[in-house]
């Protein structure tokens, strides 16, 4: 007998109603899909996508050092009042990381010690 073959399964479904039956079927479907996908199919999909983009884009990985160098130094024919590539990179990183820190900080407050974050104590 498996998990779903117990004599109490029908009673549970009757007590939960149609919504409970739907949720149980959905949970079962998600569990089956998870067991199938997180294994060889997922590895094959990831590796196949990597190979496809590597060949399709002409081995773009070899251009990473050039991209980093241009992001940090810029070009020689840049005007004086333009934003440098490094400034644009630093601003984008600050905007991404800064908002993440602002949004993520209040999350532990309800469950953590209030004195630690309030400055009292």
PDB file of N, CA and C in Angstrom:
ATOM      1  N   UNK A   1       0.836  -1.191   0.000  1.00  0.00           N
ATOM      2  CA  UNK A   1       0.000   0.000   0.000  1.00  0.00           C
ATOM      3  C   UNK A   1       0.875   1.247   0.000  1.00  0.00           C
ATOM      4  N   UNK A   2       0.581   2.160  -0.880  1.00  0.00           N
ATOM      5  CA  UNK A   2       1.309   3.416  -0.937  1.00  0.00           C
ATOM      6  C   UNK A   2       0.681   4.460  -0.033  1.00  0.00           C
ATOM      7  N   UNK A   3       1.189   5.648  -0.120  1.00  0.00           N
ATOM      8  CA  UNK A   3       0.678   6.737   0.715  1.00  0.00           C
ATOM      9  C   UNK A   3      -0.791   7.046   0.403  1.00  0.00           C
ATOM     10  N   UNK A   4      -1.174   6.983  -0.858  1.00  0.00           N
ATOM     11  CA  UNK A   4      -2.531   7.370  -1.235  1.00  0.00           C
ATOM     12  C   UNK A   4      -3.521   6.226  -1.103  1.00  0.00           C
ATOM     13  N   UNK A   5      -3.050   5.008  -0.756  1.00  0.00           N
ATOM     14  CA  UNK A   5      -3.940   3.858  -0.657  1.00  0.00           C
ATOM     15  C   UNK A   5      -4.492   3.657   0.753  1.00  0.00           C
ATOM     16  N   UNK A   6      -4.285   4.579   1.644  1.00  0.00           N
ATOM     17  CA  UNK A   6      -4.768   4.384   3.005  1.00  0.00           C
ATOM     18  C   UNK A   6      -6.288   4.501   3.038  1.00  0.00           C
ATOM     19  N   UNK A   7      -6.947   3.816   3.978  1.00  0.00           N
ATOM     20  CA  UNK A   7      -8.413   3.884   4.042  1.00  0.00           C
ATOM     21  C   UNK A   7      -8.931   5.260   4.454  1.00  0.00           C
ATOM     22  N   UNK A   8      -8.058   6.105   4.980  1.00  0.00           N
ATOM     23  CA  UNK A   8      -8.505   7.419   5.429  1.00  0.00           C
ATOM     24  C   UNK A   8      -8.461   8.470   4.315  1.00  0.00           C
ATOM     25  N   UNK A   9      -7.896   8.119   3.163  1.00  0.00           N
ATOM     26  CA  UNK A   9      -7.757   9.082   2.075  1.00  0.00           C
ATOM     27  C   UNK A   9      -9.119   9.591   1.621  1.00  0.00           C
ATOM     28  N   UNK A  10     -10.086   8.705   1.452  1.00  0.00           N
ATOM     29  CA  UNK A  10     -11.408   9.116   1.000  1.00  0.00           C
ATOM     30  C   UNK A  10     -12.068  10.021   2.029  1.00  0.00           C
ATOM     31  N   UNK A  11     -11.906   9.716   3.315  1.00  0.00           N
ATOM     32  CA  UNK A  11     -12.486  10.571   4.350  1.00  0.00           C
ATOM     33  C   UNK A  11     -11.867  11.956   4.322  1.00  0.00           C
ATOM     34  N   UNK A  12     -10.577  12.035   4.105  1.00  0.00           N
ATOM     35  CA  UNK A  12      -9.901  13.328   4.046  1.00  0.00           C
ATOM     36  C   UNK A  12     -10.426  14.124   2.865  1.00  0.00           C
ATOM     37  N   UNK A  13     -10.580  13.459   1.697  1.00  0.00           N
ATOM     38  CA  UNK A  13     -11.093  14.161   0.521  1.00  0.00           C
ATOM     39  C   UNK A  13     -12.518  14.651   0.757  1.00  0.00           C
ATOM     40  N   UNK A  14     -13.347  13.854   1.401  1.00  0.00           N
ATOM     41  CA  UNK A  14     -14.729  14.256   1.657  1.00  0.00           C
ATOM     42  C   UNK A  14     -14.770  15.436   2.612  1.00  0.00           C
ATOM     43  N   UNK A  15     -13.918  15.425   3.624  1.00  0.00           N
ATOM     44  CA  UNK A  15     -13.910  16.518   4.597  1.00  0.00           C
ATOM     45  C   UNK A  15     -13.363  17.804   3.981  1.00  0.00           C
ATOM     46  N   UNK A  16     -12.408  17.716   3.072  1.00  0.00           N
ATOM     47  CA  UNK A  16     -11.799  18.906   2.497  1.00  0.00           C
ATOM     48  C   UNK A  16     -12.631  19.503   1.374  1.00  0.00           C
ATOM     49  N   UNK A  17     -13.493  18.753   0.767  1.00  0.00           N
ATOM     50  CA  UNK A  17     -14.314  19.275  -0.313  1.00  0.00           C
ATOM     51  C   UNK A  17     -13.570  19.292  -1.630  1.00  0.00           C
ATOM     52  N   UNK A  18     -14.159  19.970  -2.585  1.00  0.00           N
ATOM     53  CA  UNK A  18     -13.614  19.993  -3.938  1.00  0.00           C
ATOM     54  C   UNK A  18     -12.268  20.717  -3.985  1.00  0.00           C
ATOM     55  N   UNK A  19     -12.113  21.754  -3.159  1.00  0.00           N
ATOM     56  CA  UNK A  19     -10.849  22.491  -3.140  1.00  0.00           C
ATOM     57  C   UNK A  19      -9.715  21.601  -2.630  1.00  0.00           C
ATOM     58  N   UNK A  20     -10.002  20.784  -1.634  1.00  0.00           N
ATOM     59  CA  UNK A  20      -9.003  19.870  -1.101  1.00  0.00           C
ATOM     60  C   UNK A  20      -8.598  18.821  -2.111  1.00  0.00           C
ATOM     61  N   UNK A  21      -9.562  18.320  -2.878  1.00  0.00           N
ATOM     62  CA  UNK A  21      -9.260  17.343  -3.917  1.00  0.00           C
ATOM     63  C   UNK A  21      -8.367  17.982  -4.986  1.00  0.00           C
ATOM     64  N   UNK A  22      -8.732  19.200  -5.389  1.00  0.00           N
ATOM     65  CA  UNK A  22      -7.934  19.900  -6.397  1.00  0.00           C
ATOM     66  C   UNK A  22      -6.514  20.126  -5.907  1.00  0.00           C
ATOM     67  N   UNK A  23      -6.359  20.570  -4.663  1.00  0.00           N
ATOM     68  CA  UNK A  23      -5.025  20.842  -4.130  1.00  0.00           C
ATOM     69  C   UNK A  23      -4.208  19.551  -3.999  1.00  0.00           C
ATOM     70  N   UNK A  24      -4.848  18.449  -3.606  1.00  0.00           N
ATOM     71  CA  UNK A  24      -4.136  17.178  -3.502  1.00  0.00           C
ATOM     72  C   UNK A  24      -3.667  16.714  -4.882  1.00  0.00           C
ATOM     73  N   UNK A  25      -4.509  16.852  -5.880  1.00  0.00           N
ATOM     74  CA  UNK A  25      -4.120  16.471  -7.241  1.00  0.00           C
ATOM     75  C   UNK A  25      -3.003  17.373  -7.755  1.00  0.00           C
ATOM     76  N   UNK A  26      -3.090  18.656  -7.457  1.00  0.00           N
ATOM     77  CA  UNK A  26      -2.055  19.592  -7.885  1.00  0.00           C
ATOM     78  C   UNK A  26      -0.719  19.270  -7.221  1.00  0.00           C
ATOM     79  N   UNK A  27      -0.751  18.979  -5.927  1.00  0.00           N
ATOM     80  CA  UNK A  27       0.480  18.618  -5.228  1.00  0.00           C
ATOM     81  C   UNK A  27       1.090  17.346  -5.809  1.00  0.00           C
ATOM     82  N   UNK A  28       0.242  16.389  -6.127  1.00  0.00           N
ATOM     83  CA  UNK A  28       0.738  15.153  -6.709  1.00  0.00           C
ATOM     84  C   UNK A  28       1.352  15.409  -8.090  1.00  0.00           C
ATOM     85  N   UNK A  29       0.696  16.229  -8.904  1.00  0.00           N
ATOM     86  CA  UNK A  29       1.212  16.539 -10.236  1.00  0.00           C
ATOM     87  C   UNK A  29       2.550  17.270 -10.154  1.00  0.00           C
ATOM     88  N   UNK A  30       2.667  18.201  -9.232  1.00  0.00           N
ATOM     89  CA  UNK A  30       3.922  18.941  -9.065  1.00  0.00           C
ATOM     90  C   UNK A  30       5.030  18.008  -8.581  1.00  0.00           C
ATOM     91  N   UNK A  31       4.699  17.085  -7.676  1.00  0.00           N
ATOM     92  CA  UNK A  31       5.702  16.134  -7.179  1.00  0.00           C
ATOM     93  C   UNK A  31       6.187  15.221  -8.295  1.00  0.00           C
ATOM     94  N   UNK A  32       5.277  14.764  -9.145  1.00  0.00           N
ATOM     95  CA  UNK A  32       5.676  13.898 -10.262  1.00  0.00           C
ATOM     96  C   UNK A  32       6.549  14.679 -11.243  1.00  0.00           C
ATOM     97  N   UNK A  33       6.155  15.906 -11.568  1.00  0.00           N
ATOM     98  CA  UNK A  33       6.940  16.727 -12.491  1.00  0.00           C
ATOM     99  C   UNK A  33       8.319  17.028 -11.905  1.00  0.00           C
ATOM    100  N   UNK A  34       8.362  17.313 -10.604  1.00  0.00           N
ATOM    101  CA  UNK A  34       9.641  17.607  -9.964  1.00  0.00           C
ATOM    102  C   UNK A  34      10.574  16.411 -10.016  1.00  0.00           C
ATOM    103  N   UNK A  35      10.049  15.231  -9.727  1.00  0.00           N
ATOM    104  CA  UNK A  35      10.871  14.028  -9.746  1.00  0.00           C
ATOM    105  C   UNK A  35      11.398  13.735 -11.146  1.00  0.00           C
ATOM    106  N   UNK A  36      10.599  14.033 -12.159  1.00  0.00           N
ATOM    107  CA  UNK A  36      11.030  13.759 -13.524  1.00  0.00           C
ATOM    108  C   UNK A  36      12.033  14.801 -14.016  1.00  0.00           C
ATOM    109  N   UNK A  37      11.767  16.066 -13.759  1.00  0.00           N
ATOM    110  CA  UNK A  37      12.579  17.125 -14.342  1.00  0.00           C
ATOM    111  C   UNK A  37      13.924  17.330 -13.658  1.00  0.00           C
ATOM    112  N   UNK A  38      13.986  17.204 -12.329  1.00  0.00           N
ATOM    113  CA  UNK A  38      15.244  17.468 -11.631  1.00  0.00           C
ATOM    114  C   UNK A  38      16.101  16.221 -11.646  1.00  0.00           C
ATOM    115  N   UNK A  39      16.696  15.987 -12.744  1.00  0.00           N
ATOM    116  CA  UNK A  39      17.570  14.843 -12.931  1.00  0.00           C
ATOM    117  C   UNK A  39      18.278  15.010 -14.253  1.00  0.00           C
ATOM    118  N   UNK A  40      18.338  13.927 -15.003  1.00  0.00           N
ATOM    119  CA  UNK A  40      19.018  13.975 -16.287  1.00  0.00           C
ATOM    120  C   UNK A  40      18.385  14.966 -17.266  1.00  0.00           C
ATOM    121  N   UNK A  41      17.049  15.070 -17.363  1.00  0.00           N
ATOM    122  CA  UNK A  41      16.485  16.036 -18.314  1.00  0.00           C
ATOM    123  C   UNK A  41      16.939  17.473 -18.055  1.00  0.00           C
ATOM    124  N   UNK A  42      17.010  17.878 -16.791  1.00  0.00           N
ATOM    125  CA  UNK A  42      17.433  19.243 -16.492  1.00  0.00           C
ATOM    126  C   UNK A  42      18.910  19.452 -16.838  1.00  0.00           C
ATOM    127  N   UNK A  43      19.746  18.474 -16.513  1.00  0.00           N
ATOM    128  CA  UNK A  43      21.160  18.584 -16.868  1.00  0.00           C
ATOM    129  C   UNK A  43      21.351  18.641 -18.377  1.00  0.00           C
ATOM    130  N   UNK A  44      20.614  17.814 -19.102  1.00  0.00           N
ATOM    131  CA  UNK A  44      20.718  17.824 -20.560  1.00  0.00           C
ATOM    132  C   UNK A  44      20.245  19.154 -21.130  1.00  0.00           C
ATOM    133  N   UNK A  45      19.176  19.712 -20.581  1.00  0.00           N
ATOM    134  CA  UNK A  45      18.668  20.997 -21.055  1.00  0.00           C
ATOM    135  C   UNK A  45      19.668  22.120 -20.788  1.00  0.00           C
ATOM    136  N   UNK A  46      20.236  22.161 -19.597  1.00  0.00           N
ATOM    137  CA  UNK A  46      21.216  23.197 -19.273  1.00  0.00           C
ATOM    138  C   UNK A  46      22.472  23.077 -20.131  1.00  0.00           C
ATOM    139  N   UNK A  47      22.984  21.866 -20.264  1.00  0.00           N
ATOM    140  CA  UNK A  47      24.200  21.677 -21.047  1.00  0.00           C
ATOM    141  C   UNK A  47      23.944  21.931 -22.529  1.00  0.00           C
ATOM    142  N   UNK A  48      22.788  21.486 -23.022  1.00  0.00           N
ATOM    143  CA  UNK A  48      22.450  21.739 -24.416  1.00  0.00           C
ATOM    144  C   UNK A  48      22.293  23.216 -24.710  1.00  0.00           C
ATOM    145  N   UNK A  49      21.672  23.958 -23.793  1.00  0.00           N
ATOM    146  CA  UNK A  49      21.530  25.400 -23.972  1.00  0.00           C
ATOM    147  C   UNK A  49      22.899  26.075 -23.979  1.00  0.00           C
ATOM    148  N   UNK A  50      23.778  25.629 -23.097  1.00  0.00           N
ATOM    149  CA  UNK A  50      25.138  26.178 -23.054  1.00  0.00           C
ATOM    150  C   UNK A  50      25.857  25.956 -24.378  1.00  0.00           C
ATOM    151  N   UNK A  51      25.794  24.742 -24.893  1.00  0.00           N
ATOM    152  CA  UNK A  51      26.456  24.453 -26.166  1.00  0.00           C
ATOM    153  C   UNK A  51      25.842  25.250 -27.311  1.00  0.00           C
ATOM    154  N   UNK A  52      24.513  25.356 -27.330  1.00  0.00           N
ATOM    155  CA  UNK A  52      23.844  26.093 -28.399  1.00  0.00           C
ATOM    156  C   UNK A  52      24.317  27.550 -28.426  1.00  0.00           C
ATOM    157  N   UNK A  53      24.264  28.216 -27.274  1.00  0.00           N
ATOM    158  CA  UNK A  53      24.651  29.621 -27.249  1.00  0.00           C
ATOM    159  C   UNK A  53      26.150  29.814 -27.468  1.00  0.00           C
ATOM    160  N   UNK A  54      26.967  28.869 -27.018  1.00  0.00           N
ATOM    161  CA  UNK A  54      28.405  28.975 -27.252  1.00  0.00           C
ATOM    162  C   UNK A  54      28.713  28.971 -28.744  1.00  0.00           C
ATOM    163  N   UNK A  55      28.129  28.039 -29.475  1.00  0.00           N
ATOM    164  CA  UNK A  55      28.387  27.968 -30.917  1.00  0.00           C
ATOM    165  C   UNK A  55      27.655  29.054 -31.689  1.00  0.00           C
ATOM    166  N   UNK A  56      26.408  29.340 -31.293  1.00  0.00           N
ATOM    167  CA  UNK A  56      25.601  30.329 -32.012  1.00  0.00           C
ATOM    168  C   UNK A  56      26.198  31.737 -31.896  1.00  0.00           C
ATOM    169  N   UNK A  57      26.766  32.063 -30.751  1.00  0.00           N
ATOM    170  CA  UNK A  57      27.344  33.393 -30.540  1.00  0.00           C
ATOM    171  C   UNK A  57      28.840  33.443 -30.845  1.00  0.00           C
ATOM    172  N   UNK A  58      29.395  32.395 -31.368  1.00  0.00           N
ATOM    173  CA  UNK A  58      30.797  32.406 -31.783  1.00  0.00           C
ATOM    174  C   UNK A  58      31.773  32.416 -30.623  1.00  0.00           C
ATOM    175  N   UNK A  59      31.569  31.553 -29.656  1.00  0.00           N
ATOM    176  CA  UNK A  59      32.465  31.425 -28.492  1.00  0.00           C
ATOM    177  C   UNK A  59      32.650  32.780 -27.806  1.00  0.00           C
ATOM    178  N   UNK A  60      31.540  33.328 -27.328  1.00  0.00           N
ATOM    179  CA  UNK A  60      31.555  34.662 -26.724  1.00  0.00           C
ATOM    180  C   UNK A  60      32.377  34.708 -25.437  1.00  0.00           C
ATOM    181  N   UNK A  61      32.649  33.563 -24.823  1.00  0.00           N
ATOM    182  CA  UNK A  61      33.412  33.544 -23.579  1.00  0.00           C
ATOM    183  C   UNK A  61      34.815  34.110 -23.762  1.00  0.00           C
ATOM    184  N   UNK A  62      35.358  33.996 -24.956  1.00  0.00           N
ATOM    185  CA  UNK A  62      36.707  34.511 -25.178  1.00  0.00           C
ATOM    186  C   UNK A  62      36.746  36.032 -25.200  1.00  0.00           C
ATOM    187  N   UNK A  63      35.592  36.691 -25.261  1.00  0.00           N
ATOM    188  CA  UNK A  63      35.537  38.151 -25.295  1.00  0.00           C
ATOM    189  C   UNK A  63      35.302  38.768 -23.913  1.00  0.00           C
ATOM    190  N   UNK A  64      35.240  37.958 -22.874  1.00  0.00           N
ATOM    191  CA  UNK A  64      35.002  38.463 -21.523  1.00  0.00           C
ATOM    192  C   UNK A  64      36.102  39.426 -21.070  1.00  0.00           C
ATOM    193  N   UNK A  65      37.398  39.118 -21.247  1.00  0.00           N
ATOM    194  CA  UNK A  65      38.424  40.084 -20.816  1.00  0.00           C
ATOM    195  C   UNK A  65      38.293  41.443 -21.514  1.00  0.00           C
ATOM    196  N   UNK A  66      37.957  41.441 -22.793  1.00  0.00           N
ATOM    197  CA  UNK A  66      37.766  42.699 -23.512  1.00  0.00           C
ATOM    198  C   UNK A  66      36.585  43.475 -22.935  1.00  0.00           C
ATOM    199  N   UNK A  67      35.512  42.792 -22.621  1.00  0.00           N
ATOM    200  CA  UNK A  67      34.353  43.459 -22.033  1.00  0.00           C
ATOM    201  C   UNK A  67      34.659  44.067 -20.678  1.00  0.00           C
ATOM    202  N   UNK A  68      35.419  43.352 -19.868  1.00  0.00           N
ATOM    203  CA  UNK A  68      35.794  43.884 -18.555  1.00  0.00           C
ATOM    204  C   UNK A  68      36.704  45.094 -18.720  1.00  0.00           C
ATOM    205  N   UNK A  69      37.670  44.990 -19.638  1.00  0.00           N
ATOM    206  CA  UNK A  69      38.590  46.113 -19.850  1.00  0.00           C
ATOM    207  C   UNK A  69      37.837  47.346 -20.341  1.00  0.00           C
ATOM    208  N   UNK A  70      36.918  47.180 -21.286  1.00  0.00           N
ATOM    209  CA  UNK A  70      36.165  48.331 -21.790  1.00  0.00           C
ATOM    210  C   UNK A  70      35.225  48.905 -20.727  1.00  0.00           C
ATOM    211  N   UNK A  71      34.710  48.051 -19.841  1.00  0.00           N
ATOM    212  CA  UNK A  71      33.835  48.539 -18.766  1.00  0.00           C
ATOM    213  C   UNK A  71      34.598  49.391 -17.761  1.00  0.00           C
ATOM    214  N   UNK A  72      35.860  49.087 -17.557  1.00  0.00           N
ATOM    215  CA  UNK A  72      36.633  49.812 -16.555  1.00  0.00           C
ATOM    216  C   UNK A  72      37.380  51.014 -17.124  1.00  0.00           C
ATOM    217  N   UNK A  73      37.850  50.925 -18.353  1.00  0.00           N
ATOM    218  CA  UNK A  73      38.669  52.016 -18.893  1.00  0.00           C
ATOM    219  C   UNK A  73      37.933  52.892 -19.897  1.00  0.00           C
ATOM    220  N   UNK A  74      37.044  52.337 -20.681  1.00  0.00           N
ATOM    221  CA  UNK A  74      36.348  53.124 -21.692  1.00  0.00           C
ATOM    222  C   UNK A  74      37.151  53.207 -22.977  1.00  0.00           C
ATOM    223  N   UNK A  75      36.770  54.161 -23.835  1.00  0.00           N
ATOM    224  CA  UNK A  75      37.463  54.333 -25.111  1.00  0.00           C
ATOM    225  C   UNK A  75      38.222  55.651 -25.104  1.00  0.00           C
ATOM    226  N   UNK A  76      39.140  55.808 -26.056  1.00  0.00           N
ATOM    227  CA  UNK A  76      39.973  57.012 -26.090  1.00  0.00           C
ATOM    228  C   UNK A  76      39.259  58.214 -26.701  1.00  0.00           C
ATOM    229  N   UNK A  77      38.279  58.000 -27.569  1.00  0.00           N
ATOM    230  CA  UNK A  77      37.599  59.108 -28.231  1.00  0.00           C
ATOM    231  C   UNK A  77      36.336  59.544 -27.491  1.00  0.00           C
ATOM    232  N   UNK A  78      36.363  59.486 -26.190  1.00  0.00           N
ATOM    233  CA  UNK A  78      35.214  59.856 -25.372  1.00  0.00           C
ATOM    234  C   UNK A  78      35.288  61.348 -25.033  1.00  0.00           C
ATOM    235  N   UNK A  79      34.139  62.017 -25.118  1.00  0.00           N
ATOM    236  CA  UNK A  79      34.110  63.446 -24.809  1.00  0.00           C
ATOM    237  C   UNK A  79      34.207  63.682 -23.309  1.00  0.00           C
ATOM    238  N   UNK A  80      34.518  64.934 -22.942  1.00  0.00           N
ATOM    239  CA  UNK A  80      34.766  65.272 -21.541  1.00  0.00           C
ATOM    240  C   UNK A  80      33.525  65.160 -20.666  1.00  0.00           C
ATOM    241  N   UNK A  81      32.355  65.581 -21.175  1.00  0.00           N
ATOM    242  CA  UNK A  81      31.157  65.640 -20.336  1.00  0.00           C
ATOM    243  C   UNK A  81      30.312  64.368 -20.412  1.00  0.00           C
ATOM    244  N   UNK A  82      30.794  63.318 -21.016  1.00  0.00           N
ATOM    245  CA  UNK A  82      30.050  62.064 -21.078  1.00  0.00           C
ATOM    246  C   UNK A  82      30.289  61.242 -19.818  1.00  0.00           C
ATOM    247  N   UNK A  83      29.333  60.358 -19.529  1.00  0.00           N
ATOM    248  CA  UNK A  83      29.476  59.439 -18.409  1.00  0.00           C
ATOM    249  C   UNK A  83      30.430  58.330 -18.830  1.00  0.00           C
ATOM    250  N   UNK A  84      31.414  58.062 -17.996  1.00  0.00           N
ATOM    251  CA  UNK A  84      32.381  57.013 -18.324  1.00  0.00           C
ATOM    252  C   UNK A  84      31.729  55.643 -18.145  1.00  0.00           C
ATOM    253  N   UNK A  85      32.246  54.645 -18.824  1.00  0.00           N
ATOM    254  CA  UNK A  85      31.690  53.298 -18.650  1.00  0.00           C
ATOM    255  C   UNK A  85      31.794  52.801 -17.214  1.00  0.00           C
ATOM    256  N   UNK A  86      32.872  53.155 -16.533  1.00  0.00           N
ATOM    257  CA  UNK A  86      33.010  52.731 -15.138  1.00  0.00           C
ATOM    258  C   UNK A  86      31.938  53.380 -14.260  1.00  0.00           C
ATOM    259  N   UNK A  87      31.637  54.653 -14.501  1.00  0.00           N
ATOM    260  CA  UNK A  87      30.591  55.330 -13.727  1.00  0.00           C
ATOM    261  C   UNK A  87      29.233  54.688 -13.972  1.00  0.00           C
ATOM    262  N   UNK A  88      28.958  54.327 -15.220  1.00  0.00           N
ATOM    263  CA  UNK A  88      27.698  53.661 -15.526  1.00  0.00           C
ATOM    264  C   UNK A  88      27.619  52.297 -14.845  1.00  0.00           C
ATOM    265  N   UNK A  89      28.724  51.545 -14.857  1.00  0.00           N
ATOM    266  CA  UNK A  89      28.762  50.248 -14.198  1.00  0.00           C
ATOM    267  C   UNK A  89      28.575  50.387 -12.696  1.00  0.00           C
ATOM    268  N   UNK A  90      29.269  51.355 -12.082  1.00  0.00           N
ATOM    269  CA  UNK A  90      29.154  51.553 -10.634  1.00  0.00           C
ATOM    270  C   UNK A  90      27.735  51.996 -10.249  1.00  0.00           C
ATOM    271  N   UNK A  91      27.127  52.848 -11.060  1.00  0.00           N
ATOM    272  CA  UNK A  91      25.767  53.301 -10.771  1.00  0.00           C
ATOM    273  C   UNK A  91      24.774  52.155 -10.883  1.00  0.00           C
ATOM    274  N   UNK A  92      24.922  51.328 -11.912  1.00  0.00           N
ATOM    275  CA  UNK A  92      24.014  50.188 -12.073  1.00  0.00           C
ATOM    276  C   UNK A  92      24.162  49.201 -10.923  1.00  0.00           C
ATOM    277  N   UNK A  93      25.399  48.929 -10.514  1.00  0.00           N
ATOM    278  CA  UNK A  93      25.609  48.017  -9.386  1.00  0.00           C
ATOM    279  C   UNK A  93      25.069  48.595  -8.090  1.00  0.00           C
ATOM    280  N   UNK A  94      25.283  49.894  -7.874  1.00  0.00           N
ATOM    281  CA  UNK A  94      24.784  50.523  -6.652  1.00  0.00           C
ATOM    282  C   UNK A  94      23.262  50.512  -6.611  1.00  0.00           C
ATOM    283  N   UNK A  95      22.634  50.747  -7.748  1.00  0.00           N
ATOM    284  CA  UNK A  95      21.172  50.736  -7.790  1.00  0.00           C
ATOM    285  C   UNK A  95      20.637  49.339  -7.516  1.00  0.00           C
ATOM    286  N   UNK A  96      21.293  48.329  -8.055  1.00  0.00           N
ATOM    287  CA  UNK A  96      20.828  46.963  -7.856  1.00  0.00           C
ATOM    288  C   UNK A  96      21.079  46.485  -6.431  1.00  0.00           C
ATOM    289  N   UNK A  97      22.293  46.652  -5.956  1.00  0.00           N
ATOM    290  CA  UNK A  97      22.654  46.156  -4.636  1.00  0.00           C
ATOM    291  C   UNK A  97      22.015  47.013  -3.548  1.00  0.00           C
ATOM    292  N   UNK A  98      21.966  48.322  -3.757  1.00  0.00           N
ATOM    293  CA  UNK A  98      21.405  49.212  -2.749  1.00  0.00           C
ATOM    294  C   UNK A  98      19.935  48.955  -2.485  1.00  0.00           C
ATOM    295  N   UNK A  99      19.140  48.805  -3.540  1.00  0.00           N
ATOM    296  CA  UNK A  99      17.714  48.538  -3.330  1.00  0.00           C
ATOM    297  C   UNK A  99      17.510  47.171  -2.719  1.00  0.00           C
ATOM    298  N   UNK A 100      18.367  46.212  -3.059  1.00  0.00           N
ATOM    299  CA  UNK A 100      18.261  44.899  -2.431  1.00  0.00           C
ATOM    300  C   UNK A 100      18.515  44.969  -0.942  1.00  0.00           C
ATOM    301  N   UNK A 101      19.495  45.767  -0.526  1.00  0.00           N
ATOM    302  CA  UNK A 101      19.775  45.907   0.896  1.00  0.00           C
ATOM    303  C   UNK A 101      18.646  46.633   1.613  1.00  0.00           C
ATOM    304  N   UNK A 102      18.059  47.632   0.977  1.00  0.00           N
ATOM    305  CA  UNK A 102      16.970  48.373   1.612  1.00  0.00           C
ATOM    306  C   UNK A 102      15.737  47.493   1.757  1.00  0.00           C
ATOM    307  N   UNK A 103      15.439  46.711   0.735  1.00  0.00           N
ATOM    308  CA  UNK A 103      14.245  45.863   0.768  1.00  0.00           C
ATOM    309  C   UNK A 103      14.462  44.671   1.680  1.00  0.00           C
ATOM    310  N   UNK A 104      15.634  44.080   1.680  1.00  0.00           N
ATOM    311  CA  UNK A 104      15.893  42.874   2.452  1.00  0.00           C
ATOM    312  C   UNK A 104      16.089  43.140   3.937  1.00  0.00           C
ATOM    313  N   UNK A 105      16.489  44.326   4.332  1.00  0.00           N
ATOM    314  CA  UNK A 105      16.793  44.596   5.740  1.00  0.00           C
ATOM    315  C   UNK A 105      15.595  44.421   6.664  1.00  0.00           C
ATOM    316  N   UNK A 106      14.400  44.944   6.357  1.00  0.00           N
ATOM    317  CA  UNK A 106      13.295  44.832   7.312  1.00  0.00           C
ATOM    318  C   UNK A 106      12.721  43.435   7.456  1.00  0.00           C
ATOM    319  N   UNK A 107      13.070  42.500   6.606  1.00  0.00           N
ATOM    320  CA  UNK A 107      12.467  41.174   6.671  1.00  0.00           C
ATOM    321  C   UNK A 107      12.718  40.440   7.982  1.00  0.00           C
ATOM    322  N   UNK A 108      13.928  40.466   8.561  1.00  0.00           N
ATOM    323  CA  UNK A 108      14.103  39.721   9.813  1.00  0.00           C
ATOM    324  C   UNK A 108      13.548  40.442  11.041  1.00  0.00           C
ATOM    325  N   UNK A 109      13.116  41.669  10.894  1.00  0.00           N
ATOM    326  CA  UNK A 109      12.683  42.436  12.060  1.00  0.00           C
ATOM    327  C   UNK A 109      11.536  41.806  12.844  1.00  0.00           C
ATOM    328  N   UNK A 110      10.470  41.330  12.224  1.00  0.00           N
ATOM    329  CA  UNK A 110       9.375  40.791  13.034  1.00  0.00           C
ATOM    330  C   UNK A 110       9.768  39.567  13.860  1.00  0.00           C
ATOM    331  N   UNK A 111      10.688  38.754  13.369  1.00  0.00           N
ATOM    332  CA  UNK A 111      11.026  37.534  14.074  1.00  0.00           C
ATOM    333  C   UNK A 111      12.294  37.648  14.921  1.00  0.00           C
ATOM    334  N   UNK A 112      13.043  38.714  14.767  1.00  0.00           N
ATOM    335  CA  UNK A 112      14.314  38.831  15.479  1.00  0.00           C
ATOM    336  C   UNK A 112      14.158  39.723  16.708  1.00  0.00           C
ATOM    337  N   UNK A 113      15.244  39.834  17.433  1.00  0.00           N
ATOM    338  CA  UNK A 113      15.275  40.674  18.620  1.00  0.00           C
ATOM    339  C   UNK A 113      15.178  42.129  18.199  1.00  0.00           C
ATOM    340  N   UNK A 114      14.172  42.845  18.676  1.00  0.00           N
ATOM    341  CA  UNK A 114      13.943  44.223  18.260  1.00  0.00           C
ATOM    342  C   UNK A 114      15.054  45.157  18.721  1.00  0.00           C
ATOM    343  N   UNK A 115      15.662  44.886  19.837  1.00  0.00           N
ATOM    344  CA  UNK A 115      16.694  45.784  20.357  1.00  0.00           C
ATOM    345  C   UNK A 115      17.940  45.786  19.453  1.00  0.00           C
ATOM    346  N   UNK A 116      18.168  44.687  18.794  1.00  0.00           N
ATOM    347  CA  UNK A 116      19.351  44.599  17.946  1.00  0.00           C
ATOM    348  C   UNK A 116      19.277  45.610  16.806  1.00  0.00           C
ATOM    349  N   UNK A 117      18.096  45.848  16.230  1.00  0.00           N
ATOM    350  CA  UNK A 117      17.955  46.726  15.082  1.00  0.00           C
ATOM    351  C   UNK A 117      17.521  48.148  15.443  1.00  0.00           C
ATOM    352  N   UNK A 118      16.955  48.318  16.634  1.00  0.00           N
ATOM    353  CA  UNK A 118      16.437  49.638  16.980  1.00  0.00           C
ATOM    354  C   UNK A 118      17.491  50.553  17.579  1.00  0.00           C
ATOM    355  N   UNK A 119      18.638  50.025  17.998  1.00  0.00           N
ATOM    356  CA  UNK A 119      19.665  50.830  18.594  1.00  0.00           C
ATOM    357  C   UNK A 119      19.510  50.976  20.104  1.00  0.00           C
ATOM    358  N   UNK A 120      18.411  50.499  20.646  1.00  0.00           N
ATOM    359  CA  UNK A 120      18.214  50.576  22.098  1.00  0.00           C
ATOM    360  C   UNK A 120      18.904  49.378  22.740  1.00  0.00           C
ATOM    361  N   UNK A 121      19.567  49.620  23.818  1.00  0.00           N
ATOM    362  CA  UNK A 121      20.163  48.512  24.541  1.00  0.00           C
ATOM    363  C   UNK A 121      21.578  48.486  24.450  1.00  0.00           C
TER     364      UNK A 121
END
